[in-house]
Amino acid sequence: MKLQFCGAAREVTGSSHLLTLDNGFKILLDCGLYQGSAKMMSDFNPNWLFKPGEIDVLILSHAHIDHTGRVPYLVKSGFSGSIHCTHATRSLSALMLMDSAKIQQRDAEFFNKRRKASQAERTPLYTPDDVKATMELFNSYNYGRWFKIHEDVEVLFRDAGHILGSANVTLKIFENGKTTYLGFTGDIGRPDRPILRDPQPMPEVDYLICESTYGDKEHLEGPEETERFLSIIQDTCVRRKGKILIPAFSLGRTQEIVYILDQLEHAGRLPHIPVFVDSPLAVDVTAVFGAHPECYDENLHDYLQMDSNPFGFRSLQYIRGVEESKMLNALDEPCIIIAAAGMLNAGRSRHHLFNTMDNPRNTILIVGYCSPDTPGGMLRNGVRELKLFGEVKPLNAKVEIMDSFSAHADRREIVAFLSSQKRRQPHIFLVHGELDRQQKFKEYLAEHGFGDVEIPELAQEFDL
């Protein structure tokens, strides 16, 4: 069999990996959008390294757009096979993909109205109608049960603890008289995080596709993280009378932040300030969280005995309308605004950044990975000004970074997750990480007993 890396190779976005069996059966693991610079998006997203019509089966690890965002385009390009995922991933994908289609439509319309005569018209990769057709191909499953996708291939999902419905994927392949196990970690979550269960170890495998987003980092522990978060709120909203802008993805990060704020409010420790979740998608996603308690950890089940709504408290408001969102920019009082997109490269968070970054009373709190060429990545790297909506804006606001909010395991947590693989010593392929971090993580893995590690390039193919 052959394994080709068709996305998230030396990059932290665009997850896609193609497995071709000797009999020609083709299995695609994830089919994500590249999210980052406009040039890279235009180079990567419309193009395929394979023929979509030849793919037999698509398996999704979870619903984040960098893992699912090209699925409707795959269908539009000729794929007609089955799509397999967990129940919660199916529910969330319907929302995420429809939102993605609408954003693409709006972006294309905005560009076409203002394009120069020398520029070609822009069309979205897919439309809401394409999403509707795509959802008809979905099949969903429970965790912990093997199911067949071919007479010679079985699949197992185990909880990855990354976001609601996330899974690591194990393939059991019967070929040429032998059984081969291939694993795909998807995105590995963190143990002892709010809301979700801890990542569940995978069966022993012969080959493992492993994420490496934070391969050179170690996060803060939970109690330290909450205290630092609270200190940022006190410093900005109480002492400096400013706003905190938290750019956060609508799925996963937003719900975790709201849950922590809910706990602080329940304990009487949250200052009396308004908190706004400015994202229609986050409102819908939070409703899906309520429909999938099978993914909750024991702590959340216990907390529900005291607080029946862990994603809502008195000072919290969910914002849907555009006019309501615009009104937040004129609000001259301390508050917290949580808005998508998490990299500040699109959506309402970009507009809020434009209106908050030049005020020294304010804080921009970055709570996860941002591609270096996005506004969030530039702020992480220390820029003092940004060009937004054609205007250069100075950075006078304070920038705080809390990677501990990330839903990705750090290097220690990834190695702990891989401990179940030590006896078998699989051949490991590192994906979903920047090259410099992957190289450091490869050394770290070697120090912990994993010596057979590759860092594949985009389009590189391996015989297994």
Protein backbone atom coordinates (compact mmCIF):
# COMPACT_ATOMS: atom_id res chain seq x y z
CA MET A 1 0.00 0.00 0.00
CA LYS A 2 1.01 3.63 -0.48
CA LEU A 3 0.59 6.66 1.78
CA GLN A 4 0.67 10.17 0.29
CA PHE A 5 0.61 13.42 2.26
CA CYS A 6 -1.79 15.81 0.55
CA GLY A 7 -2.05 18.53 3.19
CA ALA A 8 -0.79 19.66 6.64
CA ALA A 9 2.71 18.55 5.57
CA ARG A 10 5.14 20.90 7.33
CA GLU A 11 2.10 23.14 7.85
CA VAL A 12 -0.52 23.46 10.59
CA THR A 13 -3.54 23.46 8.33
CA GLY A 14 -5.17 21.69 5.37
CA SER A 15 -5.10 18.15 6.83
CA SER A 16 -5.37 15.45 4.15
CA HIS A 17 -3.65 12.07 3.77
CA LEU A 18 -4.30 9.48 1.06
CA LEU A 19 -3.90 5.74 1.59
CA THR A 20 -4.03 3.55 -1.53
CA LEU A 21 -4.25 -0.21 -1.04
CA ASP A 22 -2.59 -2.64 -3.44
CA ASN A 23 -6.00 -3.47 -4.89
CA GLY A 24 -6.54 0.21 -5.76
CA PHE A 25 -9.01 1.02 -2.94
CA LYS A 26 -8.41 4.65 -1.90
CA ILE A 27 -9.01 5.99 1.60
CA LEU A 28 -8.70 9.72 2.31
CA LEU A 29 -8.06 10.75 5.91
CA ASP A 30 -9.41 14.29 6.40
CA CYS A 31 -10.00 16.89 3.72
CA GLY A 32 -9.25 20.29 5.23
CA LEU A 33 -9.00 23.85 3.99
CA TYR A 34 -5.70 25.66 4.13
CA GLN A 35 -6.19 28.68 6.42
CA GLY A 36 -3.56 31.41 6.36
CA SER A 37 -2.11 33.72 3.72
CA ALA A 38 -4.28 34.61 0.73
CA LYS A 39 -1.67 33.32 -1.72
CA MET A 40 -1.28 29.95 -0.02
CA MET A 41 -5.05 29.57 0.21
CA SER A 42 -5.44 30.30 -3.50
CA ASP A 43 -2.59 27.93 -4.39
CA PHE A 44 -3.66 25.01 -2.20
CA ASN A 45 -7.43 25.01 -1.75
CA PRO A 46 -8.67 24.78 -5.39
CA ASN A 47 -6.16 22.10 -6.39
CA TRP A 48 -5.94 18.35 -5.76
CA LEU A 49 -2.98 16.00 -5.64
CA PHE A 50 -5.32 13.17 -6.63
CA LYS A 51 -8.47 12.64 -8.67
CA PRO A 52 -11.45 13.19 -6.34
CA GLY A 53 -13.63 10.80 -8.34
CA GLU A 54 -11.21 7.95 -7.61
CA ILE A 55 -11.47 8.26 -3.81
CA ASP A 56 -13.61 5.46 -2.40
CA VAL A 57 -13.97 6.51 1.25
CA LEU A 58 -13.35 9.64 3.30
CA ILE A 59 -12.71 9.41 7.06
CA LEU A 60 -12.88 12.56 9.18
CA SER A 61 -11.09 12.93 12.50
CA HIS A 62 -13.11 15.97 13.64
CA ALA A 63 -15.11 18.96 12.45
CA HIS A 64 -12.58 21.81 12.46
CA ILE A 65 -12.45 23.49 9.04
CA ASP A 66 -8.74 22.77 8.56
CA HIS A 67 -9.75 19.08 8.66
CA THR A 68 -13.15 19.17 6.87
CA GLY A 69 -13.33 22.43 4.95
CA ARG A 70 -12.73 21.07 1.45
CA VAL A 71 -15.19 18.17 1.73
CA PRO A 72 -18.00 19.89 -0.24
CA TYR A 73 -15.45 20.86 -2.89
CA LEU A 74 -14.30 17.23 -2.99
CA VAL A 75 -17.91 16.18 -3.69
CA LYS A 76 -18.32 18.98 -6.23
CA SER A 77 -15.11 17.74 -7.91
CA GLY A 78 -16.43 14.19 -8.39
CA PHE A 79 -16.23 12.30 -5.08
CA SER A 80 -19.33 10.16 -4.52
CA GLY A 81 -18.17 7.70 -1.87
CA SER A 82 -19.11 7.47 1.79
CA ILE A 83 -17.94 9.82 4.55
CA HIS A 84 -17.32 8.33 8.01
CA CYS A 85 -17.04 10.15 11.36
CA THR A 86 -18.43 10.24 14.90
CA HIS A 87 -21.99 11.36 15.67
CA ALA A 88 -20.94 14.75 17.07
CA THR A 89 -18.60 15.39 14.13
CA ARG A 90 -21.49 14.86 11.75
CA SER A 91 -23.67 17.32 13.69
CA LEU A 92 -20.93 19.93 13.86
CA SER A 93 -19.82 19.49 10.24
CA ALA A 94 -23.28 20.46 9.02
CA LEU A 95 -22.92 23.81 10.81
CA MET A 96 -19.25 24.41 10.09
CA LEU A 97 -19.44 23.63 6.37
CA MET A 98 -22.58 25.70 5.83
CA ASP A 99 -20.91 28.63 7.60
CA SER A 100 -17.80 28.16 5.45
CA ALA A 101 -19.89 28.18 2.26
CA LYS A 102 -21.65 31.41 3.25
CA ILE A 103 -18.37 33.11 4.15
CA GLN A 104 -16.90 32.13 0.78
CA GLN A 105 -19.94 33.51 -1.01
CA ARG A 106 -19.76 36.82 0.86
CA ASP A 107 -16.01 37.13 0.29
CA ALA A 108 -16.42 36.46 -3.44
CA GLU A 109 -19.22 39.03 -3.74
CA PHE A 110 -17.17 41.64 -1.84
CA PHE A 111 -14.11 41.02 -4.03
CA ASN A 112 -16.05 41.07 -7.31
CA LYS A 113 -17.69 44.41 -6.50
CA ARG A 114 -14.28 46.01 -5.99
CA ARG A 115 -12.06 44.07 -8.38
CA LYS A 116 -9.98 45.81 -11.01
CA ALA A 117 -10.64 45.22 -14.70
CA SER A 118 -7.45 43.17 -14.92
CA GLN A 119 -8.60 40.81 -12.15
CA ALA A 120 -10.67 37.71 -12.83
CA GLU A 121 -13.94 37.24 -10.99
CA ARG A 122 -13.69 35.16 -7.84
CA THR A 123 -16.00 32.21 -7.24
CA PRO A 124 -16.43 30.29 -3.98
CA LEU A 125 -15.10 26.75 -3.80
CA TYR A 126 -18.61 25.62 -2.93
CA THR A 127 -22.07 26.91 -2.05
CA PRO A 128 -24.69 26.00 0.57
CA ASP A 129 -26.32 23.71 -2.02
CA ASP A 130 -23.03 21.79 -2.31
CA VAL A 131 -22.99 21.39 1.47
CA LYS A 132 -26.50 19.97 1.47
CA ALA A 133 -25.49 17.37 -1.14
CA THR A 134 -22.36 16.55 0.86
CA MET A 135 -24.19 15.87 4.12
CA GLU A 136 -26.17 13.09 2.41
CA LEU A 137 -22.93 11.07 2.15
CA PHE A 138 -22.18 11.14 5.90
CA ASN A 139 -22.28 8.04 8.09
CA SER A 140 -21.64 8.37 11.84
CA TYR A 141 -20.53 5.94 14.56
CA ASN A 142 -19.95 5.56 18.27
CA TYR A 143 -16.52 5.52 19.84
CA GLY A 144 -14.89 2.19 20.58
CA ARG A 145 -16.57 -0.02 17.97
CA TRP A 146 -14.90 -1.46 14.86
CA PHE A 147 -16.84 -0.99 11.62
CA LYS A 148 -16.11 -2.04 8.03
CA ILE A 149 -15.53 0.35 5.13
CA HIS A 150 -14.38 -2.45 2.78
CA GLU A 151 -14.31 -6.23 3.03
CA ASP A 152 -10.61 -5.99 3.95
CA VAL A 153 -10.62 -2.77 6.03
CA GLU A 154 -12.03 -2.05 9.49
CA VAL A 155 -12.00 1.27 11.30
CA LEU A 156 -12.02 2.21 14.99
CA PHE A 157 -12.71 5.64 16.47
CA ARG A 158 -11.49 6.50 19.97
CA ASP A 159 -12.01 9.81 21.72
CA ALA A 160 -9.15 12.22 20.92
CA GLY A 161 -10.22 14.72 23.59
CA HIS A 162 -9.55 17.65 21.23
CA ILE A 163 -13.04 19.02 20.50
CA LEU A 164 -16.54 17.62 20.72
CA GLY A 165 -16.66 14.45 18.60
CA SER A 166 -12.94 14.38 17.80
CA ALA A 167 -11.44 10.96 17.21
CA ASN A 168 -8.19 9.22 16.61
CA VAL A 169 -8.52 6.72 13.78
CA THR A 170 -7.17 3.18 13.57
CA LEU A 171 -7.34 1.17 10.34
CA LYS A 172 -7.06 -2.61 10.42
CA ILE A 173 -6.08 -3.67 6.89
CA PHE A 174 -6.03 -7.26 5.63
CA GLU A 175 -3.79 -7.37 2.57
CA ASN A 176 -1.50 -9.93 0.93
CA GLY A 177 -2.07 -12.48 3.67
CA LYS A 178 -1.16 -10.19 6.58
CA THR A 179 -2.82 -7.65 8.86
CA THR A 180 -1.44 -4.11 9.06
CA TYR A 181 -2.53 -1.48 11.54
CA LEU A 182 -2.30 2.18 10.51
CA GLY A 183 -3.15 4.95 12.96
CA PHE A 184 -4.00 8.62 12.53
CA THR A 185 -3.99 10.66 15.71
CA GLY A 186 -6.04 13.49 14.26
CA ASP A 187 -5.50 16.38 16.66
CA ILE A 188 -4.57 15.10 20.11
CA GLY A 189 -6.37 16.82 22.96
CA ARG A 190 -5.06 17.59 26.41
CA PRO A 191 -5.70 15.58 29.57
CA ASP A 192 -7.54 17.22 32.47
CA ARG A 193 -9.11 19.88 30.28
CA PRO A 194 -12.60 21.30 30.88
CA ILE A 195 -15.69 19.78 29.23
CA LEU A 196 -14.20 16.83 27.34
CA ARG A 197 -12.85 13.44 28.34
CA ASP A 198 -9.13 12.79 28.25
CA PRO A 199 -7.64 11.47 24.99
CA GLN A 200 -8.08 7.71 24.73
CA PRO A 201 -5.00 5.69 23.69
CA MET A 202 -4.97 3.97 20.33
CA PRO A 203 -4.39 0.27 19.72
CA GLU A 204 -0.81 -0.61 18.83
CA VAL A 205 -0.13 0.21 15.18
CA ASP A 206 2.57 -0.42 12.59
CA TYR A 207 2.40 3.07 11.06
CA LEU A 208 1.25 6.25 12.75
CA ILE A 209 0.39 9.67 11.29
CA CYS A 210 0.92 11.97 14.27
CA GLU A 211 0.16 15.66 14.80
CA SER A 212 2.94 17.92 16.07
CA THR A 213 1.44 21.40 16.46
CA TYR A 214 3.11 22.06 19.83
CA GLY A 215 6.04 19.69 19.39
CA ASP A 216 8.43 22.18 21.02
CA LYS A 217 6.13 23.61 23.72
CA GLU A 218 4.87 22.80 27.20
CA HIS A 219 1.62 24.41 28.36
CA LEU A 220 0.60 25.83 31.72
CA GLU A 221 -1.33 23.50 34.00
CA GLY A 222 -5.06 24.10 34.66
CA PRO A 223 -5.05 25.99 37.99
CA GLU A 224 -2.17 28.25 36.92
CA GLU A 225 -3.98 28.96 33.67
CA THR A 226 -7.22 30.02 35.38
CA GLU A 227 -5.38 32.31 37.79
CA ARG A 228 -3.46 33.97 34.95
CA PHE A 229 -6.67 34.42 32.97
CA LEU A 230 -8.31 36.04 35.99
CA SER A 231 -5.30 38.32 36.52
CA ILE A 232 -5.56 39.53 32.90
CA ILE A 233 -9.26 40.29 33.43
CA GLN A 234 -8.50 42.19 36.65
CA ASP A 235 -5.65 44.17 35.07
CA THR A 236 -7.53 45.13 31.90
CA CYS A 237 -11.15 45.49 32.96
CA VAL A 238 -10.81 46.60 36.59
CA ARG A 239 -7.52 48.50 36.77
CA ARG A 240 -7.28 49.95 33.22
CA LYS A 241 -11.04 50.05 32.52
CA GLY A 242 -10.46 48.51 29.10
CA LYS A 243 -11.78 45.76 26.84
CA ILE A 244 -10.38 42.29 26.34
CA LEU A 245 -10.66 40.92 22.80
CA ILE A 246 -10.30 37.14 22.67
CA PRO A 247 -10.13 35.84 19.09
CA ALA A 248 -11.33 32.25 19.34
CA PHE A 249 -12.57 29.62 16.95
CA SER A 250 -16.33 29.12 17.23
CA LEU A 251 -15.92 25.40 17.80
CA GLY A 252 -14.16 24.22 20.94
CA ARG A 253 -12.11 27.19 22.14
CA THR A 254 -15.11 29.48 22.60
CA GLN A 255 -17.04 26.93 24.64
CA GLU A 256 -14.04 26.21 26.88
CA ILE A 257 -13.45 29.90 27.61
CA VAL A 258 -17.16 30.44 28.36
CA TYR A 259 -17.17 27.41 30.67
CA ILE A 260 -14.17 28.74 32.63
CA LEU A 261 -15.82 32.16 32.91
CA ASP A 262 -19.02 30.43 34.05
CA GLN A 263 -17.09 28.67 36.81
CA LEU A 264 -15.44 31.93 37.90
CA GLU A 265 -18.82 33.66 37.98
CA HIS A 266 -20.38 30.74 39.89
CA ALA A 267 -17.56 31.02 42.45
CA GLY A 268 -18.10 34.79 42.79
CA ARG A 269 -14.65 35.61 41.43
CA LEU A 270 -15.53 37.15 38.05
CA PRO A 271 -15.70 40.98 38.10
CA HIS A 272 -19.10 42.45 37.24
CA ILE A 273 -18.44 43.13 33.56
CA PRO A 274 -20.38 42.16 30.44
CA VAL A 275 -19.10 39.24 28.40
CA PHE A 276 -20.06 38.96 24.73
CA VAL A 277 -19.74 35.96 22.44
CA ASP A 278 -19.93 37.66 19.07
CA SER A 279 -20.39 34.76 16.67
CA PRO A 280 -23.61 33.34 15.22
CA LEU A 281 -21.78 30.09 14.51
CA ALA A 282 -20.63 29.81 18.14
CA VAL A 283 -24.26 30.15 19.25
CA ASP A 284 -25.27 27.22 17.05
CA VAL A 285 -22.21 25.15 17.99
CA THR A 286 -22.89 25.66 21.71
CA ALA A 287 -26.38 24.24 21.17
CA VAL A 288 -24.79 21.12 19.63
CA PHE A 289 -22.64 20.74 22.74
CA GLY A 290 -25.83 20.40 24.75
CA ALA A 291 -26.99 17.58 22.48
CA HIS A 292 -23.87 15.41 22.95
CA PRO A 293 -23.32 14.75 26.68
CA GLU A 294 -21.69 11.43 25.73
CA CYS A 295 -18.52 13.46 25.09
CA TYR A 296 -18.43 15.18 28.51
CA ASP A 297 -15.92 14.38 31.21
CA GLU A 298 -16.95 13.47 34.76
CA ASN A 299 -16.16 16.94 36.11
CA LEU A 300 -18.67 18.56 33.77
CA HIS A 301 -21.31 15.95 34.64
CA ASP A 302 -20.71 16.80 38.32
CA TYR A 303 -20.81 20.54 37.62
CA LEU A 304 -24.16 20.13 35.87
CA GLN A 305 -25.62 19.07 39.23
CA MET A 306 -24.88 22.61 40.52
CA ASP A 307 -25.31 24.60 37.30
CA SER A 308 -27.66 23.30 34.64
CA ASN A 309 -26.24 25.69 32.01
CA PRO A 310 -22.42 25.67 31.99
CA PHE A 311 -22.35 27.83 28.86
CA GLY A 312 -24.42 30.72 30.19
CA PHE A 313 -24.38 33.15 33.11
CA ARG A 314 -25.99 36.48 34.01
CA SER A 315 -23.45 38.82 32.42
CA LEU A 316 -22.99 36.72 29.26
CA GLN A 317 -24.65 37.69 25.99
CA TYR A 318 -24.54 35.78 22.70
CA ILE A 319 -24.54 38.10 19.68
CA ARG A 320 -26.00 37.11 16.31
CA GLY A 321 -26.91 40.29 14.47
CA VAL A 322 -24.44 42.44 12.53
CA GLU A 323 -25.79 45.68 14.00
CA GLU A 324 -25.43 44.32 17.55
CA SER A 325 -21.85 43.37 16.71
CA LYS A 326 -21.10 46.88 15.41
CA MET A 327 -22.50 48.40 18.60
CA LEU A 328 -19.77 46.64 20.61
CA ASN A 329 -17.18 48.81 18.87
CA ALA A 330 -18.82 51.95 20.27
CA LEU A 331 -19.10 50.47 23.78
CA ASP A 332 -16.84 52.53 26.04
CA GLU A 333 -16.82 50.41 29.17
CA PRO A 334 -14.90 47.38 30.42
CA CYS A 335 -16.00 44.13 28.81
CA ILE A 336 -14.80 40.85 27.29
CA ILE A 337 -15.48 40.16 23.61
CA ILE A 338 -14.99 36.61 22.32
CA ALA A 339 -15.18 36.50 18.52
CA ALA A 340 -14.14 34.38 15.55
CA ALA A 341 -11.92 33.89 13.65
CA GLY A 342 -9.25 32.70 16.03
CA MET A 343 -6.33 33.92 13.86
CA LEU A 344 -7.86 37.41 13.43
CA ASN A 345 -7.70 36.95 9.66
CA ALA A 346 -11.44 37.01 9.00
CA GLY A 347 -14.85 37.41 10.55
CA ARG A 348 -15.91 39.70 13.37
CA SER A 349 -12.70 39.35 15.37
CA ARG A 350 -10.85 41.20 12.59
CA HIS A 351 -13.26 44.15 12.86
CA HIS A 352 -12.96 44.18 16.64
CA LEU A 353 -9.17 44.13 16.33
CA PHE A 354 -9.36 47.21 14.09
CA ASN A 355 -11.39 49.02 16.75
CA THR A 356 -9.45 47.92 19.86
CA MET A 357 -5.77 47.63 18.97
CA ASP A 358 -4.90 51.35 19.15
CA ASN A 359 -6.26 51.89 22.69
CA PRO A 360 -3.70 51.32 25.48
CA ARG A 361 -6.45 50.42 27.93
CA ASN A 362 -7.32 47.30 25.93
CA THR A 363 -5.87 43.80 25.79
CA ILE A 364 -5.80 41.35 22.90
CA LEU A 365 -5.66 37.88 24.42
CA ILE A 366 -4.47 35.24 21.94
CA VAL A 367 -5.45 31.77 23.13
CA GLY A 368 -4.02 29.39 20.56
CA TYR A 369 -1.94 28.76 17.47
CA CYS A 370 -2.00 31.38 14.69
CA SER A 371 -0.36 30.95 11.31
CA PRO A 372 2.63 33.39 11.14
CA ASP A 373 1.23 35.29 8.16
CA THR A 374 -2.14 36.07 9.81
CA PRO A 375 -2.77 39.13 12.01
CA GLY A 376 -2.84 36.85 15.04
CA GLY A 377 0.51 35.34 14.09
CA MET A 378 2.02 38.76 13.49
CA LEU A 379 0.86 39.96 16.91
CA ARG A 380 2.36 36.84 18.48
CA ASN A 381 5.66 37.69 16.79
CA GLY A 382 5.76 41.24 18.16
CA VAL A 383 4.66 43.59 15.35
CA ARG A 384 3.80 47.14 16.42
CA GLU A 385 1.34 47.92 13.63
CA LEU A 386 -0.97 46.12 11.24
CA LYS A 387 -2.63 47.00 7.95
CA LEU A 388 -6.34 46.28 8.29
CA PHE A 389 -9.05 47.25 5.79
CA GLY A 390 -6.55 49.38 3.88
CA GLU A 391 -5.44 51.38 6.95
CA VAL A 392 -2.27 51.03 8.99
CA LYS A 393 -3.20 50.81 12.66
CA PRO A 394 -0.69 51.19 15.51
CA LEU A 395 -0.63 48.60 18.27
CA ASN A 396 -1.09 50.38 21.60
CA ALA A 397 -3.15 47.67 23.27
CA LYS A 398 -1.45 45.04 25.38
CA VAL A 399 -1.00 41.61 23.78
CA GLU A 400 -1.21 38.54 26.02
CA ILE A 401 -0.66 34.97 24.84
CA MET A 402 -2.09 31.92 26.60
CA ASP A 403 -1.27 28.77 24.62
CA SER A 404 -2.49 26.76 27.60
CA PHE A 405 -6.01 27.32 26.25
CA SER A 406 -5.02 25.38 23.16
CA ALA A 407 -6.93 22.18 22.52
CA HIS A 408 -3.69 20.63 21.19
CA ALA A 409 -1.48 18.51 23.43
CA ASP A 410 2.00 19.82 24.14
CA ARG A 411 5.12 17.71 23.59
CA ARG A 412 4.95 16.00 26.99
CA GLU A 413 1.27 15.19 26.51
CA ILE A 414 1.84 13.81 23.00
CA VAL A 415 4.61 11.52 24.27
CA ALA A 416 2.34 10.37 27.11
CA PHE A 417 -0.38 9.65 24.54
CA LEU A 418 2.13 7.64 22.46
CA SER A 419 3.21 5.51 25.43
CA SER A 420 0.80 2.76 24.32
CA GLN A 421 2.89 2.45 21.12
CA LYS A 422 6.30 1.91 22.71
CA ARG A 423 6.29 -1.88 22.54
CA ARG A 424 5.43 -2.02 18.85
CA GLN A 425 7.59 0.99 17.84
CA PRO A 426 5.58 2.19 14.82
CA HIS A 427 7.00 4.11 11.90
CA ILE A 428 5.83 7.67 12.73
CA PHE A 429 5.00 10.41 10.22
CA LEU A 430 4.79 13.90 11.73
CA VAL A 431 2.12 16.19 10.26
CA HIS A 432 0.16 19.28 11.29
CA GLY A 433 3.18 21.27 12.47
CA GLU A 434 5.67 23.87 11.32
CA LEU A 435 8.97 22.35 10.16
CA ASP A 436 11.18 23.88 12.86
CA ARG A 437 8.90 22.59 15.59
CA GLN A 438 8.68 19.19 13.94
CA GLN A 439 12.46 18.89 13.81
CA LYS A 440 12.71 19.69 17.52
CA PHE A 441 9.89 17.26 18.26
CA LYS A 442 11.61 14.52 16.27
CA GLU A 443 14.64 14.95 18.53
CA TYR A 444 12.39 14.93 21.60
CA LEU A 445 10.72 11.72 20.42
CA ALA A 446 14.13 10.09 19.93
CA GLU A 447 15.04 11.02 23.52
CA HIS A 448 11.89 9.20 24.65
CA GLY A 449 12.45 6.00 22.70
CA PHE A 450 10.80 6.74 19.34
CA GLY A 451 13.52 6.63 16.71
CA ASP A 452 11.67 5.78 13.48
CA VAL A 453 10.25 9.22 12.61
CA GLU A 454 9.70 10.95 9.25
CA ILE A 455 8.72 14.55 8.46
CA PRO A 456 7.02 14.23 5.05
CA GLU A 457 6.85 17.01 2.48
CA LEU A 458 3.65 17.97 0.68
CA ALA A 459 2.83 15.38 -2.04
CA GLN A 460 5.50 12.98 -0.78
CA GLU A 461 4.51 9.30 -1.11
CA PHE A 462 5.70 6.31 0.90
CA ASP A 463 5.45 2.58 0.29
CA LEU A 464 4.25 0.86 3.46
